[in-house]
Amino acid sequence: MYLHIGKNVVVNNNEIIGIFDVSSMTKSKEFKLIYEKLKEENNILDVSDNHKKSIIITKEKEVLKGYISNISSITLAKRVDLNVL
């Protein structure tokens, strides 16, 4: 199965490591390090149209990738039937 994350972009459900809320993650020092590393390696794709709500981290062929979406993390998690607290 695939998850539509916006702007005709889909990711393979089996490759998703996590779906995170951007507003809470940007406060984390660890997240900032991961984000900067992904950006440095040119492994981040922003499809949010400057309305960043979530970041989806995937592992594709042993490479970590990040996707920034304007769809909330809760909505995306429901689409892939992840347990949400």
N, C-alpha and C. Protein backbone atom coordinates (compact mmCIF):
# COMPACT_ATOMS: atom_id res chain seq x y z
N MET A 1 0.83 -1.18 0.00
CA MET A 1 0.00 0.00 0.00
C MET A 1 0.89 1.25 0.00
N TYR A 2 0.29 2.32 -0.44
CA TYR A 2 1.00 3.59 -0.51
C TYR A 2 0.22 4.67 0.21
N LEU A 3 0.94 5.66 0.72
CA LEU A 3 0.34 6.78 1.44
C LEU A 3 0.51 8.04 0.61
N HIS A 4 -0.61 8.69 0.30
CA HIS A 4 -0.57 9.97 -0.41
C HIS A 4 -0.29 11.06 0.61
N ILE A 5 0.79 11.85 0.40
CA ILE A 5 1.17 12.87 1.38
C ILE A 5 1.00 14.29 0.85
N GLY A 6 0.45 14.43 -0.36
CA GLY A 6 0.22 15.74 -0.95
C GLY A 6 0.97 15.91 -2.25
N LYS A 7 0.46 16.82 -3.09
CA LYS A 7 1.08 17.16 -4.38
C LYS A 7 1.43 15.92 -5.22
N ASN A 8 0.54 14.98 -5.29
CA ASN A 8 0.73 13.76 -6.08
C ASN A 8 1.97 12.97 -5.68
N VAL A 9 2.37 13.08 -4.42
CA VAL A 9 3.51 12.33 -3.90
C VAL A 9 2.98 11.21 -3.01
N VAL A 10 3.49 10.01 -3.25
CA VAL A 10 3.11 8.87 -2.43
C VAL A 10 4.38 8.20 -1.91
N VAL A 11 4.26 7.58 -0.73
CA VAL A 11 5.36 6.80 -0.17
C VAL A 11 4.84 5.41 0.16
N ASN A 12 5.73 4.46 0.08
CA ASN A 12 5.38 3.08 0.38
C ASN A 12 5.20 2.92 1.89
N ASN A 13 4.06 2.38 2.30
CA ASN A 13 3.78 2.19 3.73
C ASN A 13 4.86 1.36 4.42
N ASN A 14 5.41 0.38 3.71
CA ASN A 14 6.41 -0.51 4.31
C ASN A 14 7.73 0.20 4.57
N GLU A 15 7.94 1.36 3.98
CA GLU A 15 9.20 2.09 4.15
C GLU A 15 9.10 3.19 5.21
N ILE A 16 7.90 3.41 5.76
CA ILE A 16 7.70 4.49 6.73
C ILE A 16 8.26 4.08 8.09
N ILE A 17 9.13 4.94 8.62
CA ILE A 17 9.67 4.75 9.96
C ILE A 17 8.79 5.48 10.97
N GLY A 18 8.35 6.68 10.61
CA GLY A 18 7.50 7.44 11.51
C GLY A 18 6.88 8.64 10.85
N ILE A 19 5.77 9.08 11.43
CA ILE A 19 5.07 10.28 10.98
C ILE A 19 4.99 11.19 12.20
N PHE A 20 5.53 12.41 12.07
CA PHE A 20 5.66 13.29 13.22
C PHE A 20 5.04 14.65 12.97
N ASP A 21 4.55 15.26 14.03
CA ASP A 21 4.00 16.61 13.99
C ASP A 21 5.15 17.60 13.98
N VAL A 22 5.21 18.45 12.98
CA VAL A 22 6.33 19.39 12.83
C VAL A 22 6.42 20.36 14.00
N SER A 23 5.28 20.90 14.45
CA SER A 23 5.33 21.92 15.51
C SER A 23 5.92 21.37 16.80
N SER A 24 5.66 20.11 17.13
CA SER A 24 6.26 19.57 18.35
C SER A 24 7.69 19.10 18.13
N MET A 25 7.98 18.63 16.93
CA MET A 25 9.32 18.10 16.66
C MET A 25 10.37 19.21 16.53
N THR A 26 9.99 20.39 16.08
CA THR A 26 10.97 21.45 15.88
C THR A 26 11.55 21.95 17.21
N LYS A 27 10.94 21.59 18.31
CA LYS A 27 11.46 21.96 19.62
C LYS A 27 12.54 21.00 20.11
N SER A 28 12.68 19.87 19.45
CA SER A 28 13.62 18.84 19.86
C SER A 28 14.98 19.02 19.20
N LYS A 29 16.02 19.00 20.00
CA LYS A 29 17.38 19.13 19.48
C LYS A 29 17.72 17.95 18.56
N GLU A 30 17.27 16.76 18.93
CA GLU A 30 17.54 15.58 18.12
C GLU A 30 16.87 15.68 16.75
N PHE A 31 15.64 16.19 16.74
CA PHE A 31 14.95 16.36 15.46
C PHE A 31 15.69 17.34 14.57
N LYS A 32 16.16 18.43 15.16
CA LYS A 32 16.89 19.43 14.38
C LYS A 32 18.13 18.81 13.74
N LEU A 33 18.82 17.94 14.48
CA LEU A 33 20.00 17.26 13.93
C LEU A 33 19.63 16.34 12.77
N ILE A 34 18.55 15.58 12.94
CA ILE A 34 18.09 14.68 11.87
C ILE A 34 17.68 15.49 10.65
N TYR A 35 16.93 16.55 10.86
CA TYR A 35 16.46 17.40 9.76
C TYR A 35 17.65 18.00 9.00
N GLU A 36 18.62 18.53 9.73
CA GLU A 36 19.79 19.13 9.08
C GLU A 36 20.59 18.09 8.31
N LYS A 37 20.70 16.89 8.84
CA LYS A 37 21.42 15.81 8.14
C LYS A 37 20.69 15.43 6.85
N LEU A 38 19.38 15.29 6.91
CA LEU A 38 18.60 14.98 5.71
C LEU A 38 18.73 16.09 4.67
N LYS A 39 18.68 17.32 5.14
CA LYS A 39 18.79 18.47 4.24
C LYS A 39 20.18 18.52 3.59
N GLU A 40 21.20 18.28 4.39
CA GLU A 40 22.59 18.29 3.91
C GLU A 40 22.81 17.23 2.83
N GLU A 41 22.17 16.07 3.02
CA GLU A 41 22.31 14.97 2.07
C GLU A 41 21.31 15.06 0.92
N ASN A 42 20.55 16.15 0.89
CA ASN A 42 19.53 16.37 -0.15
C ASN A 42 18.50 15.23 -0.18
N ASN A 43 18.12 14.77 1.01
CA ASN A 43 17.16 13.68 1.14
C ASN A 43 15.87 14.14 1.80
N ILE A 44 15.49 15.38 1.57
CA ILE A 44 14.23 15.87 2.12
C ILE A 44 13.44 16.53 1.01
N LEU A 45 12.16 16.25 0.97
CA LEU A 45 11.28 16.80 -0.05
C LEU A 45 10.14 17.52 0.66
N ASP A 46 9.97 18.79 0.36
CA ASP A 46 8.92 19.59 0.97
C ASP A 46 7.77 19.75 -0.02
N VAL A 47 6.64 19.12 0.29
CA VAL A 47 5.45 19.22 -0.57
C VAL A 47 4.34 19.98 0.17
N SER A 48 4.73 20.82 1.13
CA SER A 48 3.76 21.45 2.02
C SER A 48 3.24 22.80 1.57
N ASP A 49 3.80 23.37 0.52
CA ASP A 49 3.41 24.72 0.09
C ASP A 49 3.48 25.72 1.25
N ASN A 50 4.55 25.62 2.04
CA ASN A 50 4.79 26.50 3.19
C ASN A 50 3.73 26.40 4.28
N HIS A 51 3.05 25.26 4.37
CA HIS A 51 2.09 24.99 5.45
C HIS A 51 2.51 23.70 6.12
N LYS A 52 3.71 23.69 6.70
CA LYS A 52 4.30 22.48 7.27
C LYS A 52 3.52 22.00 8.48
N LYS A 53 2.98 20.78 8.36
CA LYS A 53 2.24 20.19 9.47
C LYS A 53 2.86 18.89 9.95
N SER A 54 3.47 18.13 9.03
CA SER A 54 4.02 16.84 9.43
C SER A 54 5.28 16.53 8.64
N ILE A 55 6.06 15.63 9.22
CA ILE A 55 7.23 15.11 8.51
C ILE A 55 7.15 13.59 8.56
N ILE A 56 7.36 12.99 7.41
CA ILE A 56 7.32 11.54 7.29
C ILE A 56 8.76 11.10 7.04
N ILE A 57 9.26 10.24 7.92
CA ILE A 57 10.62 9.70 7.77
C ILE A 57 10.49 8.29 7.20
N THR A 58 11.23 8.04 6.12
CA THR A 58 11.21 6.72 5.50
C THR A 58 12.63 6.19 5.36
N LYS A 59 12.73 4.90 5.15
CA LYS A 59 14.00 4.26 4.84
C LYS A 59 13.81 3.54 3.52
N GLU A 60 14.39 4.13 2.47
CA GLU A 60 14.25 3.61 1.12
C GLU A 60 15.61 3.11 0.64
N LYS A 61 15.70 1.81 0.43
CA LYS A 61 16.97 1.20 -0.02
C LYS A 61 18.12 1.60 0.88
N GLU A 62 17.91 1.46 2.19
CA GLU A 62 18.91 1.75 3.22
C GLU A 62 19.28 3.23 3.33
N VAL A 63 18.48 4.13 2.75
CA VAL A 63 18.72 5.57 2.82
C VAL A 63 17.54 6.23 3.53
N LEU A 64 17.85 7.03 4.57
CA LEU A 64 16.79 7.77 5.26
C LEU A 64 16.37 8.96 4.40
N LYS A 65 15.05 9.15 4.31
CA LYS A 65 14.50 10.28 3.56
C LYS A 65 13.40 10.92 4.40
N GLY A 66 13.21 12.21 4.19
CA GLY A 66 12.16 12.93 4.90
C GLY A 66 11.26 13.64 3.92
N TYR A 67 9.98 13.65 4.23
CA TYR A 67 8.98 14.33 3.41
C TYR A 67 8.21 15.26 4.32
N ILE A 68 8.11 16.53 3.95
CA ILE A 68 7.35 17.49 4.73
C ILE A 68 6.02 17.71 4.02
N SER A 69 4.93 17.57 4.78
CA SER A 69 3.59 17.61 4.20
C SER A 69 2.73 18.65 4.90
N ASN A 70 1.71 19.12 4.19
CA ASN A 70 0.75 20.04 4.78
C ASN A 70 -0.46 19.29 5.35
N ILE A 71 -0.39 17.98 5.38
CA ILE A 71 -1.45 17.14 5.96
C ILE A 71 -1.01 16.78 7.39
N SER A 72 -1.93 16.85 8.33
CA SER A 72 -1.58 16.61 9.73
C SER A 72 -1.08 15.18 9.94
N SER A 73 -0.23 15.02 10.93
CA SER A 73 0.32 13.71 11.24
C SER A 73 -0.77 12.72 11.66
N ILE A 74 -1.80 13.20 12.33
CA ILE A 74 -2.90 12.33 12.75
C ILE A 74 -3.66 11.80 11.54
N THR A 75 -3.95 12.67 10.58
CA THR A 75 -4.65 12.25 9.37
C THR A 75 -3.82 11.24 8.59
N LEU A 76 -2.53 11.52 8.44
CA LEU A 76 -1.66 10.58 7.71
C LEU A 76 -1.58 9.24 8.42
N ALA A 77 -1.46 9.27 9.75
CA ALA A 77 -1.39 8.02 10.51
C ALA A 77 -2.67 7.20 10.35
N LYS A 78 -3.81 7.88 10.31
CA LYS A 78 -5.08 7.16 10.12
C LYS A 78 -5.12 6.51 8.73
N ARG A 79 -4.54 7.16 7.75
CA ARG A 79 -4.55 6.63 6.39
C ARG A 79 -3.75 5.33 6.27
N VAL A 80 -2.73 5.20 7.10
CA VAL A 80 -1.94 3.97 7.05
C VAL A 80 -2.28 3.04 8.21
N ASP A 81 -3.32 3.40 8.94
CA ASP A 81 -3.83 2.59 10.03
C ASP A 81 -2.78 2.36 11.11
N LEU A 82 -2.05 3.43 11.46
CA LEU A 82 -1.11 3.36 12.56
C LEU A 82 -1.86 3.65 13.85
N ASN A 83 -1.38 3.10 14.94
CA ASN A 83 -2.00 3.40 16.24
C ASN A 83 -1.60 4.80 16.65
N VAL A 84 -2.59 5.63 16.93
CA VAL A 84 -2.35 7.01 17.34
C VAL A 84 -2.86 7.18 18.75
N LEU A 85 -2.05 7.81 19.60
CA LEU A 85 -2.49 8.07 20.97
C LEU A 85 -3.13 9.42 21.07
